[in-house]
PDB file of N, CA and C in Angstrom:
ATOM      1  N   ILE A   1       0.832  -1.183   0.000  1.00  0.00           N
ATOM      2  CA  ILE A   1       0.000   0.000   0.000  1.00  0.00           C
ATOM      3  C   ILE A   1       0.878   1.249   0.000  1.00  0.00           C
ATOM      4  N   GLY A   2       1.981   1.190   0.707  1.00  0.00           N
ATOM      5  CA  GLY A   2       2.871   2.337   0.796  1.00  0.00           C
ATOM      6  C   GLY A   2       3.492   2.735  -0.534  1.00  0.00           C
ATOM      7  N   MET A   3       3.624   1.816  -1.449  1.00  0.00           N
ATOM      8  CA  MET A   3       4.212   2.115  -2.751  1.00  0.00           C
ATOM      9  C   MET A   3       3.174   2.295  -3.846  1.00  0.00           C
ATOM     10  N   ALA A   4       1.897   2.171  -3.518  1.00  0.00           N
ATOM     11  CA  ALA A   4       0.846   2.268  -4.538  1.00  0.00           C
ATOM     12  C   ALA A   4       0.822   3.644  -5.194  1.00  0.00           C
ATOM     13  N   SER A   5       0.910   4.698  -4.415  1.00  0.00           N
ATOM     14  CA  SER A   5       0.839   6.051  -4.967  1.00  0.00           C
ATOM     15  C   SER A   5       2.020   6.364  -5.894  1.00  0.00           C
ATOM     16  N   PRO A   6       3.280   6.148  -5.460  1.00  0.00           N
ATOM     17  CA  PRO A   6       4.393   6.429  -6.376  1.00  0.00           C
ATOM     18  C   PRO A   6       4.366   5.557  -7.635  1.00  0.00           C
ATOM     19  N   MET A   7       3.975   4.297  -7.482  1.00  0.00           N
ATOM     20  CA  MET A   7       3.905   3.425  -8.652  1.00  0.00           C
ATOM     21  C   MET A   7       2.862   3.931  -9.642  1.00  0.00           C
ATOM     22  N   LEU A   8       1.702   4.297  -9.136  1.00  0.00           N
ATOM     23  CA  LEU A   8       0.638   4.799  -9.997  1.00  0.00           C
ATOM     24  C   LEU A   8       1.073   6.069 -10.713  1.00  0.00           C
ATOM     25  N   GLN A   9       1.738   6.957  -9.991  1.00  0.00           N
ATOM     26  CA  GLN A   9       2.187   8.211 -10.590  1.00  0.00           C
ATOM     27  C   GLN A   9       3.187   7.982 -11.719  1.00  0.00           C
ATOM     28  N   GLU A  10       4.150   7.112 -11.502  1.00  0.00           N
ATOM     29  CA  GLU A  10       5.202   6.914 -12.487  1.00  0.00           C
ATOM     30  C   GLU A  10       4.776   6.022 -13.647  1.00  0.00           C
ATOM     31  N   ILE A  11       3.936   5.040 -13.376  1.00  0.00           N
ATOM     32  CA  ILE A  11       3.550   4.115 -14.443  1.00  0.00           C
ATOM     33  C   ILE A  11       2.507   4.730 -15.366  1.00  0.00           C
ATOM     34  N   PHE A  12       1.485   5.359 -14.782  1.00  0.00           N
ATOM     35  CA  PHE A  12       0.396   5.876 -15.600  1.00  0.00           C
ATOM     36  C   PHE A  12       0.562   7.346 -15.963  1.00  0.00           C
ATOM     37  N   ALA A  13       1.301   8.094 -15.209  1.00  0.00           N
ATOM     38  CA  ALA A  13       1.658   9.499 -15.476  1.00  0.00           C
ATOM     39  C   ALA A  13       0.526  10.298 -16.095  1.00  0.00           C
ATOM     40  N   GLY A  14       0.705  10.776 -17.319  1.00  0.00           N
ATOM     41  CA  GLY A  14      -0.258  11.652 -17.965  1.00  0.00           C
ATOM     42  C   GLY A  14      -1.608  11.024 -18.236  1.00  0.00           C
ATOM     43  N   LYS A  15      -1.682   9.709 -18.299  1.00  0.00           N
ATOM     44  CA  LYS A  15      -2.960   9.032 -18.544  1.00  0.00           C
ATOM     45  C   LYS A  15      -3.973   9.355 -17.452  1.00  0.00           C
ATOM     46  N   LEU A  16      -3.485   9.641 -16.250  1.00  0.00           N
ATOM     47  CA  LEU A  16      -4.387   9.928 -15.134  1.00  0.00           C
ATOM     48  C   LEU A  16      -5.098  11.270 -15.288  1.00  0.00           C
ATOM     49  N   ILE A  17      -4.537  12.155 -16.082  1.00  0.00           N
ATOM     50  CA  ILE A  17      -5.143  13.479 -16.256  1.00  0.00           C
ATOM     51  C   ILE A  17      -5.526  13.738 -17.716  1.00  0.00           C
ATOM     52  N   GLY A  18      -5.676  12.674 -18.484  1.00  0.00           N
ATOM     53  CA  GLY A  18      -6.132  12.811 -19.853  1.00  0.00           C
ATOM     54  C   GLY A  18      -5.057  13.156 -20.868  1.00  0.00           C
ATOM     55  N   LEU A  19      -3.802  12.938 -20.520  1.00  0.00           N
ATOM     56  CA  LEU A  19      -2.685  13.177 -21.447  1.00  0.00           C
ATOM     57  C   LEU A  19      -1.919  11.872 -21.641  1.00  0.00           C
ATOM     58  N   PRO A  20      -2.456  10.959 -22.446  1.00  0.00           N
ATOM     59  CA  PRO A  20      -1.871   9.616 -22.537  1.00  0.00           C
ATOM     60  C   PRO A  20      -0.465   9.545 -23.127  1.00  0.00           C
ATOM     61  N   ASP A  21      -0.059  10.554 -23.877  1.00  0.00           N
ATOM     62  CA  ASP A  21       1.263  10.502 -24.521  1.00  0.00           C
ATOM     63  C   ASP A  21       2.350  11.212 -23.730  1.00  0.00           C
ATOM     64  N   VAL A  22       2.026  11.691 -22.532  1.00  0.00           N
ATOM     65  CA  VAL A  22       2.980  12.442 -21.724  1.00  0.00           C
ATOM     66  C   VAL A  22       3.542  11.534 -20.634  1.00  0.00           C
ATOM     67  N   SER A  23       4.877  11.423 -20.592  1.00  0.00           N
ATOM     68  CA  SER A  23       5.516  10.602 -19.557  1.00  0.00           C
ATOM     69  C   SER A  23       5.666  11.408 -18.270  1.00  0.00           C
ATOM     70  N   PHE A  24       6.065  10.738 -17.212  1.00  0.00           N
ATOM     71  CA  PHE A  24       6.190  11.382 -15.900  1.00  0.00           C
ATOM     72  C   PHE A  24       7.217  12.510 -15.921  1.00  0.00           C
ATOM     73  N   THR A  25       8.315  12.316 -16.624  1.00  0.00           N
ATOM     74  CA  THR A  25       9.375  13.336 -16.649  1.00  0.00           C
ATOM     75  C   THR A  25       8.989  14.573 -17.454  1.00  0.00           C
ATOM     76  N   GLN A  26       7.985  14.464 -18.308  1.00  0.00           N
ATOM     77  CA  GLN A  26       7.553  15.582 -19.135  1.00  0.00           C
ATOM     78  C   GLN A  26       6.478  16.450 -18.473  1.00  0.00           C
ATOM     79  N   LEU A  27       6.015  16.060 -17.307  1.00  0.00           N
ATOM     80  CA  LEU A  27       4.943  16.789 -16.629  1.00  0.00           C
ATOM     81  C   LEU A  27       5.481  18.024 -15.913  1.00  0.00           C
ATOM     82  N   ASP A  28       4.667  19.073 -15.853  1.00  0.00           N
ATOM     83  CA  ASP A  28       5.069  20.247 -15.069  1.00  0.00           C
ATOM     84  C   ASP A  28       4.606  20.068 -13.617  1.00  0.00           C
ATOM     85  N   ALA A  29       4.940  21.008 -12.769  1.00  0.00           N
ATOM     86  CA  ALA A  29       4.659  20.884 -11.332  1.00  0.00           C
ATOM     87  C   ALA A  29       3.164  20.799 -11.048  1.00  0.00           C
ATOM     88  N   GLY A  30       2.354  21.566 -11.745  1.00  0.00           N
ATOM     89  CA  GLY A  30       0.906  21.526 -11.526  1.00  0.00           C
ATOM     90  C   GLY A  30       0.300  20.197 -11.911  1.00  0.00           C
ATOM     91  N   GLN A  31       0.782  19.640 -13.016  1.00  0.00           N
ATOM     92  CA  GLN A  31       0.293  18.331 -13.451  1.00  0.00           C
ATOM     93  C   GLN A  31       0.719  17.238 -12.484  1.00  0.00           C
ATOM     94  N   LYS A  32       1.944  17.332 -11.980  1.00  0.00           N
ATOM     95  CA  LYS A  32       2.410  16.340 -11.001  1.00  0.00           C
ATOM     96  C   LYS A  32       1.595  16.418  -9.716  1.00  0.00           C
ATOM     97  N   THR A  33       1.187  17.631  -9.330  1.00  0.00           N
ATOM     98  CA  THR A  33       0.350  17.793  -8.138  1.00  0.00           C
ATOM     99  C   THR A  33      -1.002  17.128  -8.344  1.00  0.00           C
ATOM    100  N   ALA A  34      -1.596  17.318  -9.520  1.00  0.00           N
ATOM    101  CA  ALA A  34      -2.882  16.693  -9.821  1.00  0.00           C
ATOM    102  C   ALA A  34      -2.765  15.168  -9.814  1.00  0.00           C
ATOM    103  N   ILE A  35      -1.704  14.656 -10.403  1.00  0.00           N
ATOM    104  CA  ILE A  35      -1.488  13.212 -10.437  1.00  0.00           C
ATOM    105  C   ILE A  35      -1.252  12.670  -9.031  1.00  0.00           C
ATOM    106  N   ALA A  36      -0.510  13.407  -8.208  1.00  0.00           N
ATOM    107  CA  ALA A  36      -0.265  12.978  -6.830  1.00  0.00           C
ATOM    108  C   ALA A  36      -1.569  12.900  -6.048  1.00  0.00           C
ATOM    109  N   SER A  37      -2.474  13.835  -6.288  1.00  0.00           N
ATOM    110  CA  SER A  37      -3.773  13.810  -5.597  1.00  0.00           C
ATOM    111  C   SER A  37      -4.587  12.593  -6.007  1.00  0.00           C
ATOM    112  N   ILE A  38      -4.601  12.301  -7.296  1.00  0.00           N
ATOM    113  CA  ILE A  38      -5.339  11.128  -7.783  1.00  0.00           C
ATOM    114  C   ILE A  38      -4.738   9.848  -7.209  1.00  0.00           C
ATOM    115  N   ALA A  39      -3.422   9.751  -7.224  1.00  0.00           N
ATOM    116  CA  ALA A  39      -2.751   8.553  -6.715  1.00  0.00           C
ATOM    117  C   ALA A  39      -2.953   8.401  -5.207  1.00  0.00           C
ATOM    118  N   ALA A  40      -2.969   9.506  -4.470  1.00  0.00           N
ATOM    119  CA  ALA A  40      -3.212   9.431  -3.022  1.00  0.00           C
ATOM    120  C   ALA A  40      -4.631   8.946  -2.740  1.00  0.00           C
ATOM    121  N   GLY A  41      -5.584   9.397  -3.536  1.00  0.00           N
ATOM    122  CA  GLY A  41      -6.956   8.923  -3.384  1.00  0.00           C
ATOM    123  C   GLY A  41      -7.071   7.439  -3.650  1.00  0.00           C
ATOM    124  N   PHE A  42      -6.353   6.969  -4.669  1.00  0.00           N
ATOM    125  CA  PHE A  42      -6.365   5.545  -4.981  1.00  0.00           C
ATOM    126  C   PHE A  42      -5.738   4.728  -3.852  1.00  0.00           C
ATOM    127  N   ALA A  43      -4.642   5.216  -3.298  1.00  0.00           N
ATOM    128  CA  ALA A  43      -4.003   4.523  -2.173  1.00  0.00           C
ATOM    129  C   ALA A  43      -4.937   4.499  -0.966  1.00  0.00           C
ATOM    130  N   GLY A  44      -5.673   5.578  -0.744  1.00  0.00           N
ATOM    131  CA  GLY A  44      -6.661   5.602   0.334  1.00  0.00           C
ATOM    132  C   GLY A  44      -7.758   4.581   0.102  1.00  0.00           C
ATOM    133  N   LEU A  45      -8.187   4.441  -1.134  1.00  0.00           N
ATOM    134  CA  LEU A  45      -9.211   3.451  -1.463  1.00  0.00           C
ATOM    135  C   LEU A  45      -8.709   2.030  -1.216  1.00  0.00           C
ATOM    136  N   ILE A  46      -7.472   1.776  -1.594  1.00  0.00           N
ATOM    137  CA  ILE A  46      -6.868   0.465  -1.320  1.00  0.00           C
ATOM    138  C   ILE A  46      -6.853   0.195   0.185  1.00  0.00           C
ATOM    139  N   SER A  47      -6.514   1.202   0.974  1.00  0.00           N
ATOM    140  CA  SER A  47      -6.471   1.047   2.431  1.00  0.00           C
ATOM    141  C   SER A  47      -7.839   0.731   3.003  1.00  0.00           C
ATOM    142  N   LEU A  48      -8.869   1.395   2.495  1.00  0.00           N
ATOM    143  CA  LEU A  48     -10.229   1.123   2.972  1.00  0.00           C
ATOM    144  C   LEU A  48     -10.652  -0.308   2.665  1.00  0.00           C
ATOM    145  N   PHE A  49     -10.364  -0.770   1.454  1.00  0.00           N
ATOM    146  CA  PHE A  49     -10.699  -2.148   1.113  1.00  0.00           C
ATOM    147  C   PHE A  49      -9.862  -3.135   1.921  1.00  0.00           C
ATOM    148  N   ASN A  50      -8.635  -2.776   2.239  1.00  0.00           N
ATOM    149  CA  ASN A  50      -7.771  -3.627   3.057  1.00  0.00           C
ATOM    150  C   ASN A  50      -8.388  -3.841   4.440  1.00  0.00           C
ATOM    151  N   ILE A  51      -8.784  -2.757   5.101  1.00  0.00           N
ATOM    152  CA  ILE A  51      -9.348  -2.901   6.441  1.00  0.00           C
ATOM    153  C   ILE A  51     -10.714  -3.575   6.389  1.00  0.00           C
ATOM    154  N   GLY A  52     -11.493  -3.254   5.353  1.00  0.00           N
ATOM    155  CA  GLY A  52     -12.798  -3.914   5.208  1.00  0.00           C
ATOM    156  C   GLY A  52     -12.652  -5.415   5.008  1.00  0.00           C
ATOM    157  N   GLY A  53     -11.661  -5.800   4.216  1.00  0.00           N
ATOM    158  CA  GLY A  53     -11.405  -7.220   3.990  1.00  0.00           C
ATOM    159  C   GLY A  53     -10.967  -7.932   5.251  1.00  0.00           C
ATOM    160  N   ARG A  54     -10.203  -7.251   6.070  1.00  0.00           N
ATOM    161  CA  ARG A  54      -9.768  -7.861   7.331  1.00  0.00           C
ATOM    162  C   ARG A  54     -10.958  -8.177   8.229  1.00  0.00           C
ATOM    163  N   PHE A  55     -11.885  -7.222   8.339  1.00  0.00           N
ATOM    164  CA  PHE A  55     -13.091  -7.474   9.138  1.00  0.00           C
ATOM    165  C   PHE A  55     -13.960  -8.557   8.510  1.00  0.00           C
ATOM    166  N   PHE A  56     -14.121  -8.500   7.186  1.00  0.00           N
ATOM    167  CA  PHE A  56     -14.964  -9.482   6.495  1.00  0.00           C
ATOM    168  C   PHE A  56     -14.426 -10.898   6.655  1.00  0.00           C
ATOM    169  N   TRP A  57     -13.141 -11.090   6.336  1.00  0.00           N
ATOM    170  CA  TRP A  57     -12.591 -12.442   6.373  1.00  0.00           C
ATOM    171  C   TRP A  57     -12.489 -12.979   7.798  1.00  0.00           C
ATOM    172  N   ALA A  58     -12.215 -12.117   8.763  1.00  0.00           N
ATOM    173  CA  ALA A  58     -12.186 -12.574  10.160  1.00  0.00           C
ATOM    174  C   ALA A  58     -13.576 -13.012  10.602  1.00  0.00           C
ATOM    175  N   SER A  59     -14.590 -12.265  10.237  1.00  0.00           N
ATOM    176  CA  SER A  59     -15.965 -12.628  10.591  1.00  0.00           C
ATOM    177  C   SER A  59     -16.390 -13.907   9.892  1.00  0.00           C
ATOM    178  N   LEU A  60     -16.025 -14.032   8.615  1.00  0.00           N
ATOM    179  CA  LEU A  60     -16.358 -15.252   7.881  1.00  0.00           C
ATOM    180  C   LEU A  60     -15.659 -16.458   8.498  1.00  0.00           C
ATOM    181  N   SER A  61     -14.421 -16.282   8.914  1.00  0.00           N
ATOM    182  CA  SER A  61     -13.679 -17.368   9.545  1.00  0.00           C
ATOM    183  C   SER A  61     -14.343 -17.810  10.845  1.00  0.00           C
ATOM    184  N   ASP A  62     -14.882 -16.862  11.589  1.00  0.00           N
ATOM    185  CA  ASP A  62     -15.602 -17.217  12.819  1.00  0.00           C
ATOM    186  C   ASP A  62     -16.848 -18.037  12.518  1.00  0.00           C
ATOM    187  N   ARG A  63     -17.479 -17.778  11.382  1.00  0.00           N
ATOM    188  CA  ARG A  63     -18.725 -18.468  11.036  1.00  0.00           C
ATOM    189  C   ARG A  63     -18.504 -19.826  10.378  1.00  0.00           C
ATOM    190  N   ILE A  64     -17.585 -19.900   9.404  1.00  0.00           N
ATOM    191  CA  ILE A  64     -17.440 -21.150   8.648  1.00  0.00           C
ATOM    192  C   ILE A  64     -16.212 -21.952   9.037  1.00  0.00           C
ATOM    193  N   GLY A  65     -15.332 -21.393   9.855  1.00  0.00           N
ATOM    194  CA  GLY A  65     -14.139 -22.108  10.297  1.00  0.00           C
ATOM    195  C   GLY A  65     -12.902 -21.707   9.518  1.00  0.00           C
ATOM    196  N   ARG A  66     -11.757 -21.958  10.147  1.00  0.00           N
ATOM    197  CA  ARG A  66     -10.481 -21.543   9.557  1.00  0.00           C
ATOM    198  C   ARG A  66     -10.151 -22.303   8.283  1.00  0.00           C
ATOM    199  N   LYS A  67     -10.358 -23.632   8.291  1.00  0.00           N
ATOM    200  CA  LYS A  67     -10.012 -24.424   7.106  1.00  0.00           C
ATOM    201  C   LYS A  67     -10.878 -24.046   5.908  1.00  0.00           C
ATOM    202  N   ALA A  68     -12.157 -23.837   6.145  1.00  0.00           N
ATOM    203  CA  ALA A  68     -13.045 -23.439   5.039  1.00  0.00           C
ATOM    204  C   ALA A  68     -12.669 -22.058   4.506  1.00  0.00           C
ATOM    205  N   THR A  69     -12.244 -21.177   5.397  1.00  0.00           N
ATOM    206  CA  THR A  69     -11.826 -19.839   4.961  1.00  0.00           C
ATOM    207  C   THR A  69     -10.561 -19.931   4.117  1.00  0.00           C
ATOM    208  N   TYR A  70      -9.588 -20.723   4.528  1.00  0.00           N
ATOM    209  CA  TYR A  70      -8.371 -20.886   3.739  1.00  0.00           C
ATOM    210  C   TYR A  70      -8.679 -21.512   2.385  1.00  0.00           C
ATOM    211  N   PHE A  71      -9.599 -22.477   2.351  1.00  0.00           N
ATOM    212  CA  PHE A  71      -9.986 -23.063   1.074  1.00  0.00           C
ATOM    213  C   PHE A  71     -10.636 -22.014   0.178  1.00  0.00           C
ATOM    214  N   THR A  72     -11.456 -21.153   0.764  1.00  0.00           N
ATOM    215  CA  THR A  72     -12.089 -20.079   0.000  1.00  0.00           C
ATOM    216  C   THR A  72     -11.030 -19.135  -0.564  1.00  0.00           C
ATOM    217  N   PHE A  73     -10.021 -18.776   0.247  1.00  0.00           N
ATOM    218  CA  PHE A  73      -8.902 -17.957  -0.247  1.00  0.00           C
ATOM    219  C   PHE A  73      -8.257 -18.627  -1.459  1.00  0.00           C
ATOM    220  N   PHE A  74      -7.979 -19.921  -1.318  1.00  0.00           N
ATOM    221  CA  PHE A  74      -7.304 -20.664  -2.366  1.00  0.00           C
ATOM    222  C   PHE A  74      -8.136 -20.688  -3.643  1.00  0.00           C
ATOM    223  N   ALA A  75      -9.413 -21.036  -3.521  1.00  0.00           N
ATOM    224  CA  ALA A  75     -10.289 -21.128  -4.691  1.00  0.00           C
ATOM    225  C   ALA A  75     -10.485 -19.759  -5.346  1.00  0.00           C
ATOM    226  N   LEU A  76     -10.730 -18.741  -4.533  1.00  0.00           N
ATOM    227  CA  LEU A  76     -10.899 -17.394  -5.080  1.00  0.00           C
ATOM    228  C   LEU A  76      -9.610 -16.899  -5.730  1.00  0.00           C
ATOM    229  N   GLY A  77      -8.476 -17.246  -5.141  1.00  0.00           N
ATOM    230  CA  GLY A  77      -7.191 -16.849  -5.704  1.00  0.00           C
ATOM    231  C   GLY A  77      -6.998 -17.397  -7.105  1.00  0.00           C
ATOM    232  N   ILE A  78      -7.313 -18.653  -7.287  1.00  0.00           N
ATOM    233  CA  ILE A  78      -7.187 -19.286  -8.615  1.00  0.00           C
ATOM    234  C   ILE A  78      -8.085 -18.567  -9.620  1.00  0.00           C
ATOM    235  N   VAL A  79      -9.332 -18.362  -9.242  1.00  0.00           N
ATOM    236  CA  VAL A  79     -10.288 -17.733 -10.156  1.00  0.00           C
ATOM    237  C   VAL A  79      -9.862 -16.293 -10.482  1.00  0.00           C
ATOM    238  N   LEU A  80      -9.511 -15.521  -9.473  1.00  0.00           N
ATOM    239  CA  LEU A  80      -9.166 -14.116  -9.698  1.00  0.00           C
ATOM    240  C   LEU A  80      -7.867 -13.958 -10.481  1.00  0.00           C
ATOM    241  N   TYR A  81      -6.866 -14.793 -10.214  1.00  0.00           N
ATOM    242  CA  TYR A  81      -5.637 -14.722 -10.997  1.00  0.00           C
ATOM    243  C   TYR A  81      -5.874 -15.130 -12.444  1.00  0.00           C
ATOM    244  N   ALA A  82      -6.773 -16.091 -12.664  1.00  0.00           N
ATOM    245  CA  ALA A  82      -7.094 -16.497 -14.025  1.00  0.00           C
ATOM    246  C   ALA A  82      -7.844 -15.395 -14.766  1.00  0.00           C
ATOM    247  N   LEU A  83      -8.648 -14.614 -14.043  1.00  0.00           N
ATOM    248  CA  LEU A  83      -9.408 -13.529 -14.664  1.00  0.00           C
ATOM    249  C   LEU A  83      -8.614 -12.234 -14.822  1.00  0.00           C
ATOM    250  N   ALA A  84      -7.474 -12.128 -14.182  1.00  0.00           N
ATOM    251  CA  ALA A  84      -6.686 -10.888 -14.200  1.00  0.00           C
ATOM    252  C   ALA A  84      -6.345 -10.410 -15.615  1.00  0.00           C
ATOM    253  N   PRO A  85      -5.956 -11.276 -16.537  1.00  0.00           N
ATOM    254  CA  PRO A  85      -5.631 -10.782 -17.880  1.00  0.00           C
ATOM    255  C   PRO A  85      -6.822 -10.186 -18.634  1.00  0.00           C
ATOM    256  N   THR A  86      -8.025 -10.609 -18.252  1.00  0.00           N
ATOM    257  CA  THR A  86      -9.202 -10.075 -18.954  1.00  0.00           C
ATOM    258  C   THR A  86      -9.628  -8.790 -18.309  1.00  0.00           C
TER     259      THR A  86
END
């Protein structure tokens, strides 16, 4: 999570503000500020889903058991990794 914002800024650069052909080094200070704000918001969103997932999976584990929860992680992992390219 700590590296999400810098990675987003450098990888997507101008695409985040509607300038798809502009790289990170070609941006001016105002554009970099706008991109930093967007990337910080995205990192905040990741953090919210992280904490929400912790509560969800802990509660589910209490209900269905630890082994069933780990199996669910495993099965969902296979499906989600297979769907990632699409």
